[in-house]
PDB file of N, CA and C in Angstrom:
ATOM      1  N   MET A   1      11.139  59.599  35.801  1.00  0.00           N
ATOM      2  CA  MET A   1      11.214  60.941  36.294  1.00  0.00           C
ATOM      3  C   MET A   1      12.478  61.639  35.823  1.00  0.00           C
ATOM      4  N   ALA A   2      13.575  60.904  35.777  1.00  0.00           N
ATOM      5  CA  ALA A   2      14.842  61.477  35.356  1.00  0.00           C
ATOM      6  C   ALA A   2      14.769  61.931  33.908  1.00  0.00           C
ATOM      7  N   ASP A   3      14.035  61.185  33.077  1.00  0.00           N
ATOM      8  CA  ASP A   3      13.895  61.562  31.674  1.00  0.00           C
ATOM      9  C   ASP A   3      13.173  62.897  31.533  1.00  0.00           C
ATOM     10  N   THR A   4      12.152  63.130  32.358  1.00  0.00           N
ATOM     11  CA  THR A   4      11.414  64.382  32.310  1.00  0.00           C
ATOM     12  C   THR A   4      12.306  65.546  32.720  1.00  0.00           C
ATOM     13  N   SER A   5      13.118  65.340  33.761  1.00  0.00           N
ATOM     14  CA  SER A   5      14.041  66.379  34.207  1.00  0.00           C
ATOM     15  C   SER A   5      15.058  66.697  33.119  1.00  0.00           C
ATOM     16  N   LYS A   6      15.544  65.670  32.464  1.00  0.00           N
ATOM     17  CA  LYS A   6      16.516  65.842  31.370  1.00  0.00           C
ATOM     18  C   LYS A   6      15.883  66.622  30.223  1.00  0.00           C
ATOM     19  N   GLN A   7      14.635  66.288  29.882  1.00  0.00           N
ATOM     20  CA  GLN A   7      13.938  66.995  28.801  1.00  0.00           C
ATOM     21  C   GLN A   7      13.786  68.478  29.139  1.00  0.00           C
ATOM     22  N   THR A   8      13.434  68.789  30.389  1.00  0.00           N
ATOM     23  CA  THR A   8      13.266  70.173  30.808  1.00  0.00           C
ATOM     24  C   THR A   8      14.579  70.933  30.687  1.00  0.00           C
ATOM     25  N   GLU A   9      15.671  70.307  31.114  1.00  0.00           N
ATOM     26  CA  GLU A   9      16.976  70.961  30.995  1.00  0.00           C
ATOM     27  C   GLU A   9      17.325  71.204  29.534  1.00  0.00           C
ATOM     28  N   ASP A  10      17.112  70.186  28.698  1.00  0.00           N
ATOM     29  CA  ASP A  10      17.411  70.329  27.269  1.00  0.00           C
ATOM     30  C   ASP A  10      16.538  71.412  26.643  1.00  0.00           C
ATOM     31  N   THR A  11      15.269  71.427  26.992  1.00  0.00           N
ATOM     32  CA  THR A  11      14.346  72.423  26.462  1.00  0.00           C
ATOM     33  C   THR A  11      14.749  73.814  26.929  1.00  0.00           C
ATOM     34  N   GLY A  12      15.160  73.926  28.193  1.00  0.00           N
ATOM     35  CA  GLY A  12      15.607  75.212  28.715  1.00  0.00           C
ATOM     36  C   GLY A  12      16.819  75.726  27.966  1.00  0.00           C
ATOM     37  N   VAL A  13      17.768  74.857  27.697  1.00  0.00           N
ATOM     38  CA  VAL A  13      18.960  75.247  26.950  1.00  0.00           C
ATOM     39  C   VAL A  13      18.562  75.629  25.525  1.00  0.00           C
ATOM     40  N   ALA A  14      17.710  74.808  24.914  1.00  0.00           N
ATOM     41  CA  ALA A  14      17.275  75.104  23.552  1.00  0.00           C
ATOM     42  C   ALA A  14      16.480  76.409  23.518  1.00  0.00           C
ATOM     43  N   ALA A  15      15.665  76.652  24.523  1.00  0.00           N
ATOM     44  CA  ALA A  15      14.874  77.880  24.569  1.00  0.00           C
ATOM     45  C   ALA A  15      15.788  79.094  24.704  1.00  0.00           C
ATOM     46  N   ASP A  16      16.819  78.990  25.563  1.00  0.00           N
ATOM     47  CA  ASP A  16      17.768  80.095  25.708  1.00  0.00           C
ATOM     48  C   ASP A  16      18.508  80.369  24.414  1.00  0.00           C
ATOM     49  N   GLN A  17      18.926  79.292  23.764  1.00  0.00           N
ATOM     50  CA  GLN A  17      19.641  79.436  22.493  1.00  0.00           C
ATOM     51  C   GLN A  17      18.717  80.035  21.437  1.00  0.00           C
ATOM     52  N   LEU A  18      17.479  79.566  21.388  1.00  0.00           N
ATOM     53  CA  LEU A  18      16.511  80.090  20.430  1.00  0.00           C
ATOM     54  C   LEU A  18      16.257  81.575  20.675  1.00  0.00           C
ATOM     55  N   LYS A  19      16.093  81.946  21.953  1.00  0.00           N
ATOM     56  CA  LYS A  19      15.869  83.351  22.293  1.00  0.00           C
ATOM     57  C   LYS A  19      17.051  84.206  21.858  1.00  0.00           C
ATOM     58  N   SER A  20      18.264  83.714  22.063  1.00  0.00           N
ATOM     59  CA  SER A  20      19.464  84.436  21.665  1.00  0.00           C
ATOM     60  C   SER A  20      19.513  84.632  20.150  1.00  0.00           C
ATOM     61  N   ILE A  21      19.180  83.590  19.414  1.00  0.00           N
ATOM     62  CA  ILE A  21      19.181  83.672  17.950  1.00  0.00           C
ATOM     63  C   ILE A  21      18.146  84.681  17.474  1.00  0.00           C
ATOM     64  N   ILE A  22      16.946  84.608  18.041  1.00  0.00           N
ATOM     65  CA  ILE A  22      15.873  85.533  17.654  1.00  0.00           C
ATOM     66  C   ILE A  22      16.287  86.976  17.942  1.00  0.00           C
ATOM     67  N   GLU A  23      16.876  87.225  19.095  1.00  0.00           N
ATOM     68  CA  GLU A  23      17.299  88.582  19.443  1.00  0.00           C
ATOM     69  C   GLU A  23      18.391  89.090  18.512  1.00  0.00           C
ATOM     70  N   ARG A  24      19.316  88.210  18.128  1.00  0.00           N
ATOM     71  CA  ARG A  24      20.365  88.618  17.181  1.00  0.00           C
ATOM     72  C   ARG A  24      19.766  88.969  15.834  1.00  0.00           C
ATOM     73  N   ILE A  25      18.815  88.159  15.377  1.00  0.00           N
ATOM     74  CA  ILE A  25      18.159  88.428  14.094  1.00  0.00           C
ATOM     75  C   ILE A  25      17.417  89.760  14.156  1.00  0.00           C
ATOM     76  N   GLU A  26      16.712  89.994  15.260  1.00  0.00           N
ATOM     77  CA  GLU A  26      15.984  91.259  15.404  1.00  0.00           C
ATOM     78  C   GLU A  26      16.927  92.455  15.374  1.00  0.00           C
ATOM     79  N   ARG A  27      18.076  92.338  16.048  1.00  0.00           N
ATOM     80  CA  ARG A  27      19.072  93.423  16.035  1.00  0.00           C
ATOM     81  C   ARG A  27      19.581  93.670  14.613  1.00  0.00           C
ATOM     82  N   LEU A  28      19.871  92.590  13.904  1.00  0.00           N
ATOM     83  CA  LEU A  28      20.367  92.730  12.535  1.00  0.00           C
ATOM     84  C   LEU A  28      19.305  93.325  11.616  1.00  0.00           C
ATOM     85  N   GLU A  29      18.048  92.942  11.821  1.00  0.00           N
ATOM     86  CA  GLU A  29      16.963  93.522  11.020  1.00  0.00           C
ATOM     87  C   GLU A  29      16.864  95.031  11.264  1.00  0.00           C
ATOM     88  N   GLU A  30      17.037  95.457  12.516  1.00  0.00           N
ATOM     89  CA  GLU A  30      17.026  96.889  12.821  1.00  0.00           C
ATOM     90  C   GLU A  30      18.176  97.607  12.125  1.00  0.00           C
ATOM     91  N   GLU A  31      19.364  96.995  12.161  1.00  0.00           N
ATOM     92  CA  GLU A  31      20.519  97.582  11.480  1.00  0.00           C
ATOM     93  C   GLU A  31      20.286  97.654   9.979  1.00  0.00           C
ATOM     94  N   LYS A  32      19.695  96.588   9.432  1.00  0.00           N
ATOM     95  CA  LYS A  32      19.420  96.547   7.993  1.00  0.00           C
ATOM     96  C   LYS A  32      18.455  97.664   7.607  1.00  0.00           C
ATOM     97  N   ALA A  33      17.432  97.887   8.435  1.00  0.00           N
ATOM     98  CA  ALA A  33      16.480  98.965   8.155  1.00  0.00           C
ATOM     99  C   ALA A  33      17.183 100.319   8.192  1.00  0.00           C
ATOM    100  N   GLY A  34      18.090 100.497   9.137  1.00  0.00           N
ATOM    101  CA  GLY A  34      18.843 101.743   9.210  1.00  0.00           C
ATOM    102  C   GLY A  34      19.712 101.948   7.987  1.00  0.00           C
ATOM    103  N   ILE A  35      20.376 100.904   7.550  1.00  0.00           N
ATOM    104  CA  ILE A  35      21.229 100.991   6.361  1.00  0.00           C
ATOM    105  C   ILE A  35      20.383 101.256   5.124  1.00  0.00           C
ATOM    106  N   ALA A  36      19.222 100.597   5.031  1.00  0.00           N
ATOM    107  CA  ALA A  36      18.335 100.835   3.886  1.00  0.00           C
ATOM    108  C   ALA A  36      17.908 102.304   3.845  1.00  0.00           C
ATOM    109  N   GLY A  37      17.652 102.883   5.005  1.00  0.00           N
ATOM    110  CA  GLY A  37      17.306 104.303   5.073  1.00  0.00           C
ATOM    111  C   GLY A  37      18.458 105.183   4.612  1.00  0.00           C
ATOM    112  N   ASP A  38      19.673 104.811   5.013  1.00  0.00           N
ATOM    113  CA  ASP A  38      20.860 105.564   4.591  1.00  0.00           C
ATOM    114  C   ASP A  38      21.034 105.509   3.075  1.00  0.00           C
ATOM    115  N   ILE A  39      20.832 104.326   2.509  1.00  0.00           N
ATOM    116  CA  ILE A  39      20.957 104.166   1.048  1.00  0.00           C
ATOM    117  C   ILE A  39      19.907 105.013   0.343  1.00  0.00           C
ATOM    118  N   LYS A  40      18.691 105.011   0.868  1.00  0.00           N
ATOM    119  CA  LYS A  40      17.618 105.827   0.281  1.00  0.00           C
ATOM    120  C   LYS A  40      18.008 107.303   0.310  1.00  0.00           C
ATOM    121  N   ASP A  41      18.608 107.728   1.423  1.00  0.00           N
ATOM    122  CA  ASP A  41      19.041 109.125   1.532  1.00  0.00           C
ATOM    123  C   ASP A  41      20.099 109.467   0.482  1.00  0.00           C
ATOM    124  N   VAL A  42      21.024 108.549   0.227  1.00  0.00           N
ATOM    125  CA  VAL A  42      22.077 108.791  -0.770  1.00  0.00           C
ATOM    126  C   VAL A  42      21.455 108.894  -2.163  1.00  0.00           C
ATOM    127  N   TYR A  43      20.489 108.013  -2.468  1.00  0.00           N
ATOM    128  CA  TYR A  43      19.821 108.105  -3.765  1.00  0.00           C
ATOM    129  C   TYR A  43      19.052 109.426  -3.888  1.00  0.00           C
ATOM    130  N   SER A  44      18.437 109.869  -2.805  1.00  0.00           N
ATOM    131  CA  SER A  44      17.730 111.158  -2.824  1.00  0.00           C
ATOM    132  C   SER A  44      18.700 112.306  -3.074  1.00  0.00           C
ATOM    133  N   GLU A  45      19.851 112.227  -2.447  1.00  0.00           N
ATOM    134  CA  GLU A  45      20.882 113.247  -2.653  1.00  0.00           C
ATOM    135  C   GLU A  45      21.342 113.246  -4.110  1.00  0.00           C
ATOM    136  N   ALA A  46      21.543 112.056  -4.658  1.00  0.00           N
ATOM    137  CA  ALA A  46      21.971 111.951  -6.058  1.00  0.00           C
ATOM    138  C   ALA A  46      20.922 112.553  -6.984  1.00  0.00           C
ATOM    139  N   LYS A  47      19.658 112.251  -6.714  1.00  0.00           N
ATOM    140  CA  LYS A  47      18.565 112.787  -7.542  1.00  0.00           C
ATOM    141  C   LYS A  47      18.523 114.308  -7.435  1.00  0.00           C
ATOM    142  N   ALA A  48      18.710 114.835  -6.236  1.00  0.00           N
ATOM    143  CA  ALA A  48      18.706 116.286  -6.031  1.00  0.00           C
ATOM    144  C   ALA A  48      19.853 116.961  -6.782  1.00  0.00           C
ATOM    145  N   ASN A  49      20.930 116.209  -7.016  1.00  0.00           N
ATOM    146  CA  ASN A  49      22.076 116.742  -7.753  1.00  0.00           C
ATOM    147  C   ASN A  49      21.988 116.468  -9.247  1.00  0.00           C
ATOM    148  N   GLY A  50      20.835 115.976  -9.701  1.00  0.00           N
ATOM    149  CA  GLY A  50      20.600 115.824 -11.133  1.00  0.00           C
ATOM    150  C   GLY A  50      20.945 114.468 -11.719  1.00  0.00           C
ATOM    151  N   PHE A  51      21.302 113.505 -10.885  1.00  0.00           N
ATOM    152  CA  PHE A  51      21.614 112.166 -11.391  1.00  0.00           C
ATOM    153  C   PHE A  51      20.346 111.343 -11.560  1.00  0.00           C
ATOM    154  N   ASP A  52      20.345 110.477 -12.550  1.00  0.00           N
ATOM    155  CA  ASP A  52      19.221 109.585 -12.806  1.00  0.00           C
ATOM    156  C   ASP A  52      19.349 108.368 -11.887  1.00  0.00           C
ATOM    157  N   VAL A  53      18.459 108.261 -10.920  1.00  0.00           N
ATOM    158  CA  VAL A  53      18.535 107.206  -9.910  1.00  0.00           C
ATOM    159  C   VAL A  53      18.369 105.821 -10.534  1.00  0.00           C
ATOM    160  N   LYS A  54      17.523 105.714 -11.533  1.00  0.00           N
ATOM    161  CA  LYS A  54      17.319 104.425 -12.202  1.00  0.00           C
ATOM    162  C   LYS A  54      18.627 103.927 -12.822  1.00  0.00           C
ATOM    163  N   VAL A  55      19.355 104.837 -13.426  1.00  0.00           N
ATOM    164  CA  VAL A  55      20.642 104.482 -14.033  1.00  0.00           C
ATOM    165  C   VAL A  55      21.661 104.137 -12.947  1.00  0.00           C
ATOM    166  N   LEU A  56      21.660 104.880 -11.856  1.00  0.00           N
ATOM    167  CA  LEU A  56      22.570 104.572 -10.754  1.00  0.00           C
ATOM    168  C   LEU A  56      22.313 103.166 -10.205  1.00  0.00           C
ATOM    169  N   ARG A  57      21.046 102.806 -10.048  1.00  0.00           N
ATOM    170  CA  ARG A  57      20.705 101.465  -9.564  1.00  0.00           C
ATOM    171  C   ARG A  57      21.192 100.392 -10.540  1.00  0.00           C
ATOM    172  N   LYS A  58      21.082 100.666 -11.829  1.00  0.00           N
ATOM    173  CA  LYS A  58      21.552  99.729 -12.849  1.00  0.00           C
ATOM    174  C   LYS A  58      23.073  99.571 -12.757  1.00  0.00           C
ATOM    175  N   ILE A  59      23.775 100.675 -12.575  1.00  0.00           N
ATOM    176  CA  ILE A  59      25.239 100.623 -12.451  1.00  0.00           C
ATOM    177  C   ILE A  59      25.636  99.804 -11.226  1.00  0.00           C
ATOM    178  N   ILE A  60      24.960 100.020 -10.110  1.00  0.00           N
ATOM    179  CA  ILE A  60      25.247  99.246  -8.894  1.00  0.00           C
ATOM    180  C   ILE A  60      25.031  97.764  -9.165  1.00  0.00           C
ATOM    181  N   SER A  61      23.955  97.448  -9.846  1.00  0.00           N
ATOM    182  CA  SER A  61      23.657  96.054 -10.190  1.00  0.00           C
ATOM    183  C   SER A  61      24.741  95.451 -11.074  1.00  0.00           C
ATOM    184  N   LEU A  62      25.185  96.213 -12.064  1.00  0.00           N
ATOM    185  CA  LEU A  62      26.232  95.724 -12.972  1.00  0.00           C
ATOM    186  C   LEU A  62      27.557  95.525 -12.254  1.00  0.00           C
ATOM    187  N   ARG A  63      27.880  96.417 -11.344  1.00  0.00           N
ATOM    188  CA  ARG A  63      29.157  96.314 -10.620  1.00  0.00           C
ATOM    189  C   ARG A  63      29.212  95.097  -9.705  1.00  0.00           C
ATOM    190  N   LYS A  64      28.060  94.571  -9.330  1.00  0.00           N
ATOM    191  CA  LYS A  64      28.017  93.379  -8.478  1.00  0.00           C
ATOM    192  C   LYS A  64      28.351  92.104  -9.255  1.00  0.00           C
ATOM    193  N   LYS A  65      28.231  92.170 -10.572  1.00  0.00           N
ATOM    194  CA  LYS A  65      28.456  90.990 -11.419  1.00  0.00           C
ATOM    195  C   LYS A  65      29.883  90.975 -11.944  1.00  0.00           C
ATOM    196  N   ASP A  66      30.389  89.780 -12.191  1.00  0.00           N
ATOM    197  CA  ASP A  66      31.723  89.718 -12.779  1.00  0.00           C
ATOM    198  C   ASP A  66      31.620  89.962 -14.287  1.00  0.00           C
ATOM    199  N   HIS A  67      32.758  90.216 -14.889  1.00  0.00           N
ATOM    200  CA  HIS A  67      32.814  90.608 -16.301  1.00  0.00           C
ATOM    201  C   HIS A  67      32.181  89.557 -17.220  1.00  0.00           C
ATOM    202  N   ALA A  68      32.477  88.296 -16.992  1.00  0.00           N
ATOM    203  CA  ALA A  68      31.949  87.223 -17.847  1.00  0.00           C
ATOM    204  C   ALA A  68      30.432  87.151 -17.755  1.00  0.00           C
ATOM    205  N   GLU A  69      29.899  87.317 -16.567  1.00  0.00           N
ATOM    206  CA  GLU A  69      28.443  87.270 -16.396  1.00  0.00           C
ATOM    207  C   GLU A  69      27.775  88.433 -17.134  1.00  0.00           C
ATOM    208  N   ARG A  70      28.390  89.620 -17.054  1.00  0.00           N
ATOM    209  CA  ARG A  70      27.841  90.777 -17.774  1.00  0.00           C
ATOM    210  C   ARG A  70      27.884  90.556 -19.277  1.00  0.00           C
ATOM    211  N   GLN A  71      29.003  90.001 -19.778  1.00  0.00           N
ATOM    212  CA  GLN A  71      29.120  89.748 -21.208  1.00  0.00           C
ATOM    213  C   GLN A  71      28.057  88.761 -21.683  1.00  0.00           C
ATOM    214  N   GLU A  72      27.842  87.721 -20.899  1.00  0.00           N
ATOM    215  CA  GLU A  72      26.836  86.717 -21.272  1.00  0.00           C
ATOM    216  C   GLU A  72      25.439  87.349 -21.331  1.00  0.00           C
ATOM    217  N   GLU A  73      25.100  88.149 -20.327  1.00  0.00           N
ATOM    218  CA  GLU A  73      23.797  88.810 -20.315  1.00  0.00           C
ATOM    219  C   GLU A  73      23.653  89.768 -21.502  1.00  0.00           C
ATOM    220  N   ASP A  74      24.719  90.505 -21.802  1.00  0.00           N
ATOM    221  CA  ASP A  74      24.685  91.431 -22.935  1.00  0.00           C
ATOM    222  C   ASP A  74      24.483  90.687 -24.247  1.00  0.00           C
ATOM    223  N   ALA A  75      25.142  89.545 -24.406  1.00  0.00           N
ATOM    224  CA  ALA A  75      25.017  88.747 -25.624  1.00  0.00           C
ATOM    225  C   ALA A  75      23.591  88.229 -25.778  1.00  0.00           C
ATOM    226  N   ILE A  76      23.017  87.759 -24.688  1.00  0.00           N
ATOM    227  CA  ILE A  76      21.641  87.249 -24.743  1.00  0.00           C
ATOM    228  C   ILE A  76      20.671  88.383 -25.039  1.00  0.00           C
ATOM    229  N   LEU A  77      20.884  89.534 -24.409  1.00  0.00           N
ATOM    230  CA  LEU A  77      20.038  90.697 -24.669  1.00  0.00           C
ATOM    231  C   LEU A  77      20.110  91.086 -26.143  1.00  0.00           C
ATOM    232  N   GLU A  78      21.316  91.140 -26.685  1.00  0.00           N
ATOM    233  CA  GLU A  78      21.487  91.487 -28.101  1.00  0.00           C
ATOM    234  C   GLU A  78      20.776  90.482 -29.000  1.00  0.00           C
ATOM    235  N   LEU A  79      20.889  89.209 -28.682  1.00  0.00           N
ATOM    236  CA  LEU A  79      20.217  88.161 -29.457  1.00  0.00           C
ATOM    237  C   LEU A  79      18.713  88.350 -29.445  1.00  0.00           C
ATOM    238  N   TYR A  80      18.150  88.624 -28.266  1.00  0.00           N
ATOM    239  CA  TYR A  80      16.702  88.818 -28.145  1.00  0.00           C
ATOM    240  C   TYR A  80      16.253  90.069 -28.902  1.00  0.00           C
ATOM    241  N   LEU A  81      17.041  91.134 -28.794  1.00  0.00           N
ATOM    242  CA  LEU A  81      16.696  92.365 -29.499  1.00  0.00           C
ATOM    243  C   LEU A  81      16.702  92.156 -31.010  1.00  0.00           C
ATOM    244  N   GLN A  82      17.676  91.407 -31.501  1.00  0.00           N
ATOM    245  CA  GLN A  82      17.741  91.095 -32.933  1.00  0.00           C
ATOM    246  C   GLN A  82      16.528  90.264 -33.347  1.00  0.00           C
ATOM    247  N   ALA A  83      16.161  89.306 -32.528  1.00  0.00           N
ATOM    248  CA  ALA A  83      14.990  88.449 -32.840  1.00  0.00           C
ATOM    249  C   ALA A  83      13.709  89.268 -32.919  1.00  0.00           C
ATOM    250  N   LEU A  84      13.658  90.356 -32.149  1.00  0.00           N
ATOM    251  CA  LEU A  84      12.481  91.210 -32.161  1.00  0.00           C
ATOM    252  C   LEU A  84      12.590  92.356 -33.163  1.00  0.00           C
ATOM    253  N   GLY A  85      13.693  92.402 -33.899  1.00  0.00           N
ATOM    254  CA  GLY A  85      13.890  93.462 -34.876  1.00  0.00           C
ATOM    255  C   GLY A  85      14.147  94.815 -34.236  1.00  0.00           C
ATOM    256  N   MET A  86      14.719  94.813 -33.046  1.00  0.00           N
ATOM    257  CA  MET A  86      14.958  96.056 -32.314  1.00  0.00           C
ATOM    258  C   MET A  86      16.426  96.450 -32.336  1.00  0.00           C
ATOM    259  N   ALA A  87      17.282  95.636 -32.940  1.00  0.00           N
ATOM    260  CA  ALA A  87      18.726  95.935 -32.924  1.00  0.00           C
ATOM    261  C   ALA A  87      19.200  96.351 -34.287  1.00  0.00           C
TER     262      ALA A  87
END
């Protein structure tokens, strides 16, 4: 009987912890959706001001990479373009 009581207590603690984790994740997902909406609004503003959104997204992507990683990708791209007769 004591083992069953112990299991219930452990399950109750685990259930509370699980509920807390799920609620935190849900809150963060809501915040993420809000931020994604804000980013979309900024891109819309940029487009309305005549900026090319596709190019802006590429710049953001490039800025996330370090210099060596960008150089390596550029070298591989150049190699592939040469192989295809496009360079």
